[in-house]
Amino acid sequence: MKGWHGEPVRHNLASRGIRTVLEDKNKNKSIRNPYEEPLGSTEKYISEWSVEEDREKWKEFPKDTKQFFMASSDLPMILEMRAKPEYFEEKKGILSDLVLMSSNRYKDLVIEGFDGDQYRAWDGAVNENHLEKLIEIIERGEKFPPLYLKYKDGYFNQEGRHRAELMKRLGVSKVPVIIIWDEETDEDMNIEEMIN
């Protein structure tokens, strides 16, 4: 199966606990289920790209947050954005920040981003099988990357509903969230006010 962007669609099946091995027609080789790959596999990349500002903020995170989260994202584009904030702001008009918020606040912002549709944003999207996979990751001693909220070109995107829900259930006080927005969004909504 291919998604709209041409990448194999694995998330829906894997999040339901269905093991998948998909053929990548371009390379003619099997693709492993992404939930079987350890999150720490990008550790070398993260240590090379990790942003000093984010590492400093991470030192100030509550102990329960540091127990479950690493200081940097494992997504190369977000890492680059955090490593070169001046370039992204001046040349691309994109701003970003790493903040702490409660899981409930993250949930509220996701629901708001989905135009208030709580079922589509949260209730119908959070899957118990996926939460079990996250618990297995914790049991292996691995840490999660920060969640993110993206407001760009009039669109909203997020990554982290399951991690936020799990942290809420575990009683973790705050989750790290990378907020990404463009200058147009910054004029329409006060990001600082939104995250506080």
Protein backbone atom coordinates (compact mmCIF):
# COMPACT_ATOMS: atom_id res chain seq x y z
CA MET A 1 0.00 0.00 0.00
CA LYS A 2 1.16 3.52 -0.68
CA GLY A 3 0.17 6.69 1.14
CA TRP A 4 -0.56 10.01 -0.54
CA HIS A 5 3.13 10.91 -0.37
CA GLY A 6 4.24 7.62 -1.99
CA GLU A 7 5.62 6.04 1.19
CA PRO A 8 4.44 2.61 2.33
CA VAL A 9 1.46 2.79 4.67
CA ARG A 10 2.39 0.83 7.78
CA HIS A 11 1.04 2.87 10.67
CA ASN A 12 -2.63 1.85 10.55
CA LEU A 13 -1.92 -1.87 10.42
CA ALA A 14 0.96 -1.80 12.88
CA SER A 15 -0.99 0.33 15.36
CA ARG A 16 -3.69 -2.36 15.36
CA GLY A 17 -1.09 -4.97 16.24
CA ILE A 18 -1.10 -6.55 12.77
CA ARG A 19 2.38 -7.64 11.75
CA THR A 20 3.21 -6.35 8.29
CA VAL A 21 5.90 -7.01 5.75
CA LEU A 22 5.31 -4.83 2.74
CA GLU A 23 7.13 -4.93 -0.56
CA ASP A 24 8.82 -1.72 -1.60
CA LYS A 25 8.31 -1.96 -5.37
CA ASN A 26 11.12 0.51 -6.06
CA LYS A 27 13.78 -1.41 -4.17
CA ASN A 28 12.17 -4.86 -4.29
CA LYS A 29 12.92 -5.67 -0.66
CA SER A 30 10.89 -6.22 2.49
CA ILE A 31 10.18 -3.38 4.90
CA ARG A 32 10.10 -4.24 8.60
CA ASN A 33 7.34 -3.15 10.91
CA PRO A 34 8.55 0.24 12.26
CA TYR A 35 7.37 -0.63 15.79
CA GLU A 36 9.92 -3.46 15.94
CA GLU A 37 12.79 -1.02 15.33
CA PRO A 38 14.31 0.39 18.53
CA LEU A 39 13.89 4.14 18.88
CA GLY A 40 17.51 4.35 19.97
CA SER A 41 18.65 3.39 16.47
CA THR A 42 18.97 7.09 15.63
CA GLU A 43 20.96 7.84 18.77
CA LYS A 44 24.22 8.61 16.92
CA TYR A 45 22.38 10.96 14.57
CA ILE A 46 20.64 12.65 17.49
CA SER A 47 23.89 13.16 19.39
CA GLU A 48 25.49 14.75 16.31
CA TRP A 49 22.54 17.05 15.59
CA SER A 50 21.20 17.57 19.09
CA VAL A 51 20.70 21.24 19.80
CA GLU A 52 22.54 22.71 22.76
CA GLU A 53 19.50 24.81 23.68
CA ASP A 54 17.31 21.68 23.77
CA ARG A 55 19.89 19.77 25.83
CA GLU A 56 19.96 22.64 28.33
CA LYS A 57 16.15 22.71 28.53
CA TRP A 58 16.13 18.93 28.98
CA LYS A 59 18.33 19.28 32.08
CA GLU A 60 15.54 21.34 33.65
CA PHE A 61 12.76 18.86 32.80
CA PRO A 62 11.00 17.22 35.77
CA LYS A 63 12.54 13.90 36.78
CA ASP A 64 9.50 11.90 35.65
CA THR A 65 9.67 13.51 32.19
CA LYS A 66 13.40 12.78 31.79
CA GLN A 67 12.71 9.16 32.70
CA PHE A 68 10.68 8.69 29.49
CA PHE A 69 11.88 11.32 26.98
CA MET A 70 15.10 12.22 25.19
CA ALA A 71 16.14 15.82 24.56
CA SER A 72 15.84 15.79 20.77
CA SER A 73 13.49 14.63 18.06
CA ASP A 74 14.45 11.60 16.00
CA LEU A 75 13.01 13.19 12.83
CA PRO A 76 15.84 14.64 10.69
CA MET A 77 13.82 17.64 9.45
CA ILE A 78 12.89 18.68 13.00
CA LEU A 79 16.47 18.15 14.18
CA GLU A 80 17.74 20.39 11.40
CA MET A 81 15.09 22.99 12.18
CA ARG A 82 16.09 23.04 15.84
CA ALA A 83 19.83 23.08 14.98
CA LYS A 84 19.54 26.01 12.55
CA PRO A 85 16.71 28.19 13.88
CA GLU A 86 18.02 31.45 12.36
CA TYR A 87 18.23 29.92 8.88
CA PHE A 88 14.71 28.48 9.07
CA GLU A 89 13.26 31.74 10.40
CA GLU A 90 15.02 34.04 7.92
CA LYS A 91 14.94 31.90 4.77
CA LYS A 92 11.80 29.82 5.26
CA GLY A 93 9.74 31.79 7.77
CA ILE A 94 9.49 28.79 10.11
CA LEU A 95 9.87 29.09 13.86
CA SER A 96 10.10 26.34 16.50
CA ASP A 97 10.48 25.89 20.23
CA LEU A 98 10.73 23.04 22.72
CA VAL A 99 8.24 23.49 25.56
CA LEU A 100 6.80 21.46 28.42
CA MET A 101 3.06 21.03 28.86
CA SER A 102 0.67 18.62 30.53
CA SER A 103 -0.76 15.74 28.52
CA ASN A 104 -4.20 17.30 28.99
CA ARG A 105 -3.01 20.59 27.47
CA TYR A 106 -1.50 18.70 24.53
CA LYS A 107 -4.79 16.85 24.07
CA ASP A 108 -6.74 20.14 24.13
CA LEU A 109 -4.44 21.63 21.46
CA VAL A 110 -4.77 18.54 19.25
CA ILE A 111 -8.57 18.64 19.52
CA GLU A 112 -8.50 22.37 18.74
CA GLY A 113 -6.27 21.64 15.73
CA PHE A 114 -8.87 19.14 14.49
CA ASP A 115 -11.54 21.88 14.64
CA GLY A 116 -12.91 20.62 17.95
CA ASP A 117 -13.68 17.09 16.69
CA GLN A 118 -12.71 15.13 19.80
CA TYR A 119 -13.47 11.73 18.27
CA ARG A 120 -11.32 12.28 15.17
CA ALA A 121 -8.59 14.04 17.14
CA TRP A 122 -8.33 11.77 20.15
CA ASP A 123 -11.01 9.28 21.17
CA GLY A 124 -11.14 7.48 17.83
CA ALA A 125 -7.42 7.84 17.17
CA VAL A 126 -5.84 6.54 20.38
CA ASN A 127 -5.45 2.79 20.06
CA GLU A 128 -4.88 0.39 22.99
CA ASN A 129 -2.66 -1.92 20.89
CA HIS A 130 -0.38 0.99 20.08
CA LEU A 131 -0.21 1.94 23.76
CA GLU A 132 0.89 -1.62 24.53
CA LYS A 133 3.69 -1.28 21.95
CA LEU A 134 4.83 1.91 23.69
CA ILE A 135 4.88 0.10 27.03
CA GLU A 136 7.14 -2.55 25.45
CA ILE A 137 9.49 0.25 24.35
CA ILE A 138 9.61 1.56 27.93
CA GLU A 139 10.26 -1.95 29.24
CA ARG A 140 13.27 -2.20 26.88
CA GLY A 141 14.64 0.91 28.59
CA GLU A 142 14.30 3.17 25.56
CA LYS A 143 13.18 6.79 25.60
CA PHE A 144 10.73 8.63 23.37
CA PRO A 145 11.40 11.70 21.23
CA PRO A 146 9.43 14.85 22.08
CA LEU A 147 5.89 15.18 20.72
CA TYR A 148 5.22 17.88 18.16
CA LEU A 149 2.52 20.28 17.04
CA LYS A 150 2.88 21.93 13.65
CA TYR A 151 0.94 24.99 12.46
CA LYS A 152 2.09 25.85 8.94
CA ASP A 153 0.54 27.20 5.74
CA GLY A 154 -2.91 27.11 7.33
CA TYR A 155 -2.62 23.40 8.17
CA PHE A 156 -2.28 21.58 11.46
CA ASN A 157 -0.31 18.41 12.10
CA GLN A 158 0.67 16.55 15.24
CA GLU A 159 2.68 13.56 16.35
CA GLY A 160 2.35 12.17 19.84
CA ARG A 161 -1.24 11.39 20.82
CA HIS A 162 -0.35 7.91 22.05
CA ARG A 163 2.71 9.05 23.99
CA ALA A 164 0.68 11.86 25.60
CA GLU A 165 -2.13 9.45 26.55
CA LEU A 166 0.33 6.93 27.99
CA MET A 167 2.13 9.60 30.02
CA LYS A 168 -1.23 10.78 31.38
CA ARG A 169 -2.05 7.23 32.46
CA LEU A 170 1.39 6.84 34.05
CA GLY A 171 0.93 10.12 35.95
CA VAL A 172 3.85 11.92 34.29
CA SER A 173 3.49 15.63 35.05
CA LYS A 174 4.70 17.17 31.78
CA VAL A 175 5.56 16.08 28.24
CA PRO A 176 8.09 17.81 25.97
CA VAL A 177 6.55 19.22 22.80
CA ILE A 178 8.26 20.81 19.82
CA ILE A 179 5.97 23.52 18.47
CA ILE A 180 6.53 24.45 14.81
CA TRP A 181 4.81 27.42 13.20
CA ASP A 182 5.24 29.85 10.35
CA GLU A 183 5.22 33.65 10.40
CA GLU A 184 1.67 33.77 9.02
CA THR A 185 0.42 31.61 11.88
CA ASP A 186 2.39 33.72 14.33
CA GLU A 187 0.43 36.78 13.21
CA ASP A 188 -2.93 34.95 13.42
CA MET A 189 -2.45 33.38 16.82
CA ASN A 190 -0.21 34.16 19.73
CA ILE A 191 1.85 30.96 20.06
CA GLU A 192 3.28 32.01 23.43
CA GLU A 193 -0.21 32.48 24.81
CA MET A 194 -1.42 29.24 23.25
CA ILE A 195 1.20 27.06 24.96
CA ASN A 196 0.93 28.65 28.40
